[in-house]
Amino acid sequence: MHLTLDPASPLPPFAQVRSRIIAMIESGELAPGTRLPSVRALAADLDLAANTVARAYKELEEAGFVETRGRAGTIVSAGSDPVAVRAAEAARTFAQTMRALGVAPDTALDLARGALSDT
């Protein structure tokens, strides 16, 4: 698995790792059952702290993209609903952007509702 980060990106490194792995899964580059590098190995490859990669893996698991199988490592999940997974990713990105802009949660929800009703 070859993964690179963009140092000029406004996304924090953990979000870039998460997004790049999702893109690789959705494109078929990472097939279900594929074992991802260990947290420490990927962190070393990307020159990141292990906690940064661990956070990305945790969020990928929560979204259903990967499964952690103890000593067997982290595996690309076979049973995820691609629409639900992409929707969860979009929601996380929206929430991160709103936090970064300092928008209050209630205001962010109002903005999202407005955007949904405009379509």
N, C-alpha and C. Protein backbone atom coordinates (compact mmCIF):
# COMPACT_ATOMS: atom_id res chain seq x y z
N MET A 1 0.85 -1.17 0.00
CA MET A 1 0.00 0.00 0.00
C MET A 1 0.90 1.23 0.00
N HIS A 2 0.71 2.07 -1.00
CA HIS A 2 1.49 3.31 -1.08
C HIS A 2 0.58 4.48 -0.78
N LEU A 3 0.90 5.20 0.27
CA LEU A 3 0.07 6.31 0.71
C LEU A 3 0.97 7.52 0.93
N THR A 4 0.55 8.67 0.42
CA THR A 4 1.31 9.90 0.63
C THR A 4 0.38 10.96 1.20
N LEU A 5 0.97 11.90 1.92
CA LEU A 5 0.22 13.01 2.49
C LEU A 5 0.61 14.31 1.80
N ASP A 6 -0.30 15.26 1.82
CA ASP A 6 -0.05 16.57 1.25
C ASP A 6 0.20 17.55 2.39
N PRO A 7 1.46 18.00 2.56
CA PRO A 7 1.75 18.92 3.66
C PRO A 7 1.04 20.26 3.54
N ALA A 8 0.58 20.61 2.33
CA ALA A 8 -0.12 21.89 2.13
C ALA A 8 -1.62 21.77 2.35
N SER A 9 -2.11 20.55 2.58
CA SER A 9 -3.54 20.33 2.74
C SER A 9 -4.05 20.96 4.04
N PRO A 10 -5.26 21.52 4.01
CA PRO A 10 -5.84 22.04 5.25
C PRO A 10 -6.32 20.93 6.17
N LEU A 11 -6.44 19.69 5.63
CA LEU A 11 -6.86 18.56 6.46
C LEU A 11 -5.71 18.11 7.35
N PRO A 12 -5.99 17.80 8.61
CA PRO A 12 -4.94 17.27 9.47
C PRO A 12 -4.48 15.91 8.97
N PRO A 13 -3.27 15.49 9.34
CA PRO A 13 -2.73 14.22 8.83
C PRO A 13 -3.63 13.01 9.05
N PHE A 14 -4.27 12.88 10.22
CA PHE A 14 -5.12 11.71 10.46
C PHE A 14 -6.28 11.67 9.47
N ALA A 15 -6.82 12.85 9.13
CA ALA A 15 -7.94 12.91 8.18
C ALA A 15 -7.46 12.58 6.77
N GLN A 16 -6.25 12.99 6.44
CA GLN A 16 -5.70 12.65 5.13
C GLN A 16 -5.49 11.14 5.02
N VAL A 17 -4.95 10.53 6.07
CA VAL A 17 -4.74 9.07 6.07
C VAL A 17 -6.08 8.38 5.89
N ARG A 18 -7.06 8.79 6.67
CA ARG A 18 -8.40 8.18 6.60
C ARG A 18 -8.99 8.34 5.20
N SER A 19 -8.94 9.55 4.66
CA SER A 19 -9.52 9.82 3.34
C SER A 19 -8.82 9.04 2.24
N ARG A 20 -7.49 8.95 2.33
CA ARG A 20 -6.74 8.25 1.29
C ARG A 20 -7.05 6.74 1.31
N ILE A 21 -7.17 6.19 2.53
CA ILE A 21 -7.50 4.76 2.63
C ILE A 21 -8.91 4.51 2.11
N ILE A 22 -9.85 5.39 2.43
CA ILE A 22 -11.22 5.25 1.92
C ILE A 22 -11.20 5.29 0.40
N ALA A 23 -10.46 6.21 -0.18
CA ALA A 23 -10.38 6.31 -1.64
C ALA A 23 -9.81 5.03 -2.24
N MET A 24 -8.82 4.46 -1.57
CA MET A 24 -8.20 3.22 -2.06
C MET A 24 -9.18 2.05 -1.97
N ILE A 25 -10.00 2.04 -0.93
CA ILE A 25 -11.01 0.98 -0.78
C ILE A 25 -12.08 1.14 -1.85
N GLU A 26 -12.56 2.37 -2.02
CA GLU A 26 -13.63 2.62 -2.98
C GLU A 26 -13.19 2.37 -4.42
N SER A 27 -11.92 2.62 -4.73
CA SER A 27 -11.42 2.40 -6.08
C SER A 27 -11.12 0.92 -6.36
N GLY A 28 -11.11 0.11 -5.29
CA GLY A 28 -10.79 -1.30 -5.44
C GLY A 28 -9.31 -1.60 -5.29
N GLU A 29 -8.50 -0.56 -5.09
CA GLU A 29 -7.07 -0.77 -4.89
C GLU A 29 -6.81 -1.59 -3.63
N LEU A 30 -7.66 -1.37 -2.62
CA LEU A 30 -7.61 -2.19 -1.40
C LEU A 30 -8.89 -3.03 -1.36
N ALA A 31 -8.75 -4.28 -1.67
CA ALA A 31 -9.90 -5.19 -1.73
C ALA A 31 -10.28 -5.67 -0.33
N PRO A 32 -11.55 -6.09 -0.16
CA PRO A 32 -11.94 -6.67 1.13
C PRO A 32 -10.99 -7.81 1.50
N GLY A 33 -10.62 -7.84 2.77
CA GLY A 33 -9.70 -8.86 3.26
C GLY A 33 -8.25 -8.45 3.22
N THR A 34 -7.94 -7.34 2.56
CA THR A 34 -6.56 -6.86 2.50
C THR A 34 -6.12 -6.38 3.88
N ARG A 35 -4.95 -6.81 4.29
CA ARG A 35 -4.41 -6.41 5.59
C ARG A 35 -3.68 -5.07 5.42
N LEU A 36 -4.03 -4.10 6.26
CA LEU A 36 -3.35 -2.81 6.26
C LEU A 36 -2.05 -2.91 7.05
N PRO A 37 -1.11 -2.01 6.78
CA PRO A 37 0.11 -2.00 7.59
C PRO A 37 -0.23 -1.75 9.06
N SER A 38 0.63 -2.20 9.93
CA SER A 38 0.41 -1.91 11.36
C SER A 38 0.45 -0.40 11.57
N VAL A 39 -0.13 0.03 12.66
CA VAL A 39 -0.12 1.46 13.01
C VAL A 39 1.31 1.98 13.04
N ARG A 40 2.19 1.26 13.70
CA ARG A 40 3.58 1.72 13.83
C ARG A 40 4.29 1.75 12.49
N ALA A 41 4.05 0.74 11.65
CA ALA A 41 4.72 0.69 10.35
C ALA A 41 4.26 1.84 9.46
N LEU A 42 2.95 2.09 9.41
CA LEU A 42 2.45 3.18 8.58
C LEU A 42 2.90 4.53 9.12
N ALA A 43 2.89 4.67 10.45
CA ALA A 43 3.37 5.92 11.06
C ALA A 43 4.83 6.18 10.68
N ALA A 44 5.64 5.15 10.73
CA ALA A 44 7.05 5.30 10.37
C ALA A 44 7.19 5.66 8.89
N ASP A 45 6.43 4.99 8.02
CA ASP A 45 6.48 5.28 6.58
C ASP A 45 6.10 6.72 6.27
N LEU A 46 5.11 7.25 7.01
CA LEU A 46 4.60 8.60 6.74
C LEU A 46 5.25 9.66 7.62
N ASP A 47 6.16 9.23 8.51
CA ASP A 47 6.81 10.14 9.45
C ASP A 47 5.78 10.87 10.31
N LEU A 48 4.86 10.07 10.86
CA LEU A 48 3.81 10.59 11.74
C LEU A 48 3.91 9.91 13.09
N ALA A 49 3.26 10.49 14.07
CA ALA A 49 3.14 9.84 15.37
C ALA A 49 2.20 8.65 15.24
N ALA A 50 2.47 7.60 15.98
CA ALA A 50 1.62 6.41 15.94
C ALA A 50 0.18 6.74 16.31
N ASN A 51 -0.01 7.68 17.24
CA ASN A 51 -1.37 8.06 17.65
C ASN A 51 -2.16 8.66 16.50
N THR A 52 -1.49 9.34 15.58
CA THR A 52 -2.15 9.94 14.42
C THR A 52 -2.73 8.84 13.54
N VAL A 53 -1.94 7.83 13.24
CA VAL A 53 -2.41 6.71 12.41
C VAL A 53 -3.46 5.90 13.17
N ALA A 54 -3.26 5.72 14.47
CA ALA A 54 -4.23 4.98 15.28
C ALA A 54 -5.60 5.66 15.24
N ARG A 55 -5.61 6.98 15.28
CA ARG A 55 -6.89 7.71 15.21
C ARG A 55 -7.56 7.48 13.86
N ALA A 56 -6.79 7.52 12.78
CA ALA A 56 -7.34 7.28 11.44
C ALA A 56 -7.92 5.87 11.37
N TYR A 57 -7.18 4.88 11.85
CA TYR A 57 -7.66 3.49 11.82
C TYR A 57 -8.92 3.34 12.67
N LYS A 58 -8.95 4.00 13.82
CA LYS A 58 -10.13 3.90 14.70
C LYS A 58 -11.36 4.47 13.99
N GLU A 59 -11.20 5.60 13.34
CA GLU A 59 -12.34 6.20 12.64
C GLU A 59 -12.75 5.36 11.43
N LEU A 60 -11.78 4.75 10.76
CA LEU A 60 -12.11 3.84 9.65
C LEU A 60 -12.90 2.64 10.16
N GLU A 61 -12.52 2.15 11.32
CA GLU A 61 -13.24 1.00 11.89
C GLU A 61 -14.65 1.40 12.31
N GLU A 62 -14.79 2.57 12.94
CA GLU A 62 -16.10 3.04 13.36
C GLU A 62 -17.04 3.24 12.17
N ALA A 63 -16.48 3.62 11.03
CA ALA A 63 -17.27 3.85 9.82
C ALA A 63 -17.52 2.56 9.04
N GLY A 64 -16.92 1.46 9.47
CA GLY A 64 -17.16 0.18 8.83
C GLY A 64 -16.25 -0.14 7.66
N PHE A 65 -15.21 0.65 7.43
CA PHE A 65 -14.29 0.39 6.33
C PHE A 65 -13.32 -0.74 6.65
N VAL A 66 -12.93 -0.85 7.91
CA VAL A 66 -11.94 -1.86 8.30
C VAL A 66 -12.41 -2.56 9.57
N GLU A 67 -11.79 -3.70 9.84
CA GLU A 67 -12.01 -4.44 11.09
C GLU A 67 -10.66 -4.71 11.71
N THR A 68 -10.60 -4.60 13.03
CA THR A 68 -9.37 -4.93 13.73
C THR A 68 -9.53 -6.33 14.29
N ARG A 69 -8.56 -7.19 13.97
CA ARG A 69 -8.64 -8.59 14.37
C ARG A 69 -7.47 -8.99 15.26
N GLY A 70 -7.22 -8.21 16.27
CA GLY A 70 -6.16 -8.54 17.22
C GLY A 70 -4.82 -8.73 16.55
N ARG A 71 -4.21 -9.89 16.76
CA ARG A 71 -2.88 -10.17 16.19
C ARG A 71 -2.89 -10.24 14.67
N ALA A 72 -4.07 -10.49 14.09
CA ALA A 72 -4.17 -10.56 12.62
C ALA A 72 -4.12 -9.18 11.99
N GLY A 73 -4.22 -8.14 12.80
CA GLY A 73 -4.09 -6.77 12.30
C GLY A 73 -5.40 -6.15 11.86
N THR A 74 -5.28 -5.11 11.07
CA THR A 74 -6.43 -4.37 10.57
C THR A 74 -6.68 -4.78 9.13
N ILE A 75 -7.91 -5.21 8.87
CA ILE A 75 -8.29 -5.78 7.59
C ILE A 75 -9.39 -4.93 6.95
N VAL A 76 -9.34 -4.77 5.63
CA VAL A 76 -10.41 -4.07 4.92
C VAL A 76 -11.68 -4.90 5.06
N SER A 77 -12.75 -4.26 5.51
CA SER A 77 -14.02 -4.93 5.77
C SER A 77 -14.70 -5.39 4.49
N ALA A 78 -15.37 -6.51 4.58
CA ALA A 78 -16.08 -7.05 3.41
C ALA A 78 -17.54 -6.63 3.39
N GLY A 79 -18.10 -6.24 4.53
CA GLY A 79 -19.54 -6.05 4.59
C GLY A 79 -20.03 -4.63 4.81
N SER A 80 -19.33 -3.65 4.30
CA SER A 80 -19.79 -2.30 4.55
C SER A 80 -20.70 -1.81 3.43
N ASP A 81 -21.69 -1.02 3.79
CA ASP A 81 -22.60 -0.40 2.84
C ASP A 81 -21.91 0.85 2.30
N PRO A 82 -21.52 0.87 1.03
CA PRO A 82 -20.73 1.99 0.52
C PRO A 82 -21.42 3.34 0.65
N VAL A 83 -22.74 3.39 0.50
CA VAL A 83 -23.45 4.66 0.62
C VAL A 83 -23.41 5.15 2.06
N ALA A 84 -23.69 4.27 3.00
CA ALA A 84 -23.67 4.65 4.41
C ALA A 84 -22.27 5.07 4.84
N VAL A 85 -21.28 4.37 4.34
CA VAL A 85 -19.90 4.68 4.70
C VAL A 85 -19.50 6.05 4.16
N ARG A 86 -19.84 6.32 2.91
CA ARG A 86 -19.51 7.62 2.31
C ARG A 86 -20.27 8.74 3.00
N ALA A 87 -21.53 8.49 3.37
CA ALA A 87 -22.32 9.50 4.07
C ALA A 87 -21.71 9.82 5.43
N ALA A 88 -21.26 8.78 6.14
CA ALA A 88 -20.62 9.00 7.44
C ALA A 88 -19.33 9.80 7.28
N GLU A 89 -18.57 9.51 6.25
CA GLU A 89 -17.33 10.25 5.98
C GLU A 89 -17.64 11.71 5.67
N ALA A 90 -18.66 11.96 4.85
CA ALA A 90 -19.04 13.34 4.52
C ALA A 90 -19.50 14.09 5.77
N ALA A 91 -20.23 13.41 6.63
CA ALA A 91 -20.69 14.05 7.87
C ALA A 91 -19.52 14.40 8.78
N ARG A 92 -18.54 13.50 8.87
CA ARG A 92 -17.36 13.77 9.69
C ARG A 92 -16.57 14.96 9.14
N THR A 93 -16.43 15.01 7.82
CA THR A 93 -15.71 16.12 7.20
C THR A 93 -16.43 17.43 7.45
N PHE A 94 -17.75 17.42 7.31
CA PHE A 94 -18.56 18.61 7.58
C PHE A 94 -18.36 19.06 9.03
N ALA A 95 -18.45 18.12 9.96
CA ALA A 95 -18.30 18.46 11.38
C ALA A 95 -16.91 19.04 11.66
N GLN A 96 -15.88 18.46 11.08
CA GLN A 96 -14.51 18.98 11.29
C GLN A 96 -14.37 20.38 10.73
N THR A 97 -14.96 20.61 9.57
CA THR A 97 -14.89 21.94 8.95
C THR A 97 -15.62 22.96 9.81
N MET A 98 -16.78 22.61 10.29
CA MET A 98 -17.56 23.53 11.13
C MET A 98 -16.79 23.87 12.42
N ARG A 99 -16.17 22.84 13.03
CA ARG A 99 -15.37 23.09 14.24
C ARG A 99 -14.21 24.01 13.93
N ALA A 100 -13.53 23.75 12.82
CA ALA A 100 -12.37 24.57 12.44
C ALA A 100 -12.77 26.02 12.19
N LEU A 101 -13.98 26.23 11.69
CA LEU A 101 -14.46 27.59 11.44
C LEU A 101 -15.04 28.24 12.69
N GLY A 102 -15.20 27.46 13.75
CA GLY A 102 -15.76 27.99 14.99
C GLY A 102 -17.28 28.12 14.97
N VAL A 103 -17.93 27.38 14.09
CA VAL A 103 -19.39 27.43 13.99
C VAL A 103 -19.99 26.56 15.09
N ALA A 104 -20.96 27.11 15.80
CA ALA A 104 -21.63 26.38 16.88
C ALA A 104 -22.38 25.17 16.30
N PRO A 105 -22.48 24.07 17.08
CA PRO A 105 -23.18 22.87 16.58
C PRO A 105 -24.60 23.13 16.11
N ASP A 106 -25.38 23.93 16.86
CA ASP A 106 -26.76 24.20 16.43
C ASP A 106 -26.80 24.94 15.10
N THR A 107 -25.88 25.88 14.92
CA THR A 107 -25.81 26.63 13.67
C THR A 107 -25.39 25.71 12.53
N ALA A 108 -24.42 24.83 12.80
CA ALA A 108 -23.97 23.88 11.77
C ALA A 108 -25.12 22.98 11.33
N LEU A 109 -25.90 22.50 12.29
CA LEU A 109 -27.05 21.65 11.95
C LEU A 109 -28.07 22.42 11.13
N ASP A 110 -28.31 23.69 11.49
CA ASP A 110 -29.24 24.52 10.70
C ASP A 110 -28.73 24.69 9.28
N LEU A 111 -27.43 24.91 9.13
CA LEU A 111 -26.85 25.04 7.79
C LEU A 111 -27.01 23.75 6.99
N ALA A 112 -26.79 22.61 7.64
CA ALA A 112 -26.93 21.33 6.95
C ALA A 112 -28.38 21.10 6.54
N ARG A 113 -29.31 21.39 7.44
CA ARG A 113 -30.74 21.22 7.11
C ARG A 113 -31.12 22.12 5.92
N GLY A 114 -30.63 23.36 5.96
CA GLY A 114 -30.91 24.28 4.85
C GLY A 114 -30.36 23.78 3.54
N ALA A 115 -29.14 23.26 3.58
CA ALA A 115 -28.53 22.74 2.35
C ALA A 115 -29.29 21.53 1.84
N LEU A 116 -29.75 20.68 2.72
CA LEU A 116 -30.51 19.50 2.31
C LEU A 116 -31.87 19.87 1.74
N SER A 117 -32.50 20.91 2.27
CA SER A 117 -33.82 21.31 1.78
C SER A 117 -33.72 22.08 0.46
N ASP A 118 -32.53 22.60 0.15
CA ASP A 118 -32.33 23.31 -1.12
C ASP A 118 -32.19 22.37 -2.29
N THR A 119 -31.99 21.10 -2.03
CA THR A 119 -31.74 20.16 -3.14
C THR A 119 -33.01 19.56 -3.68
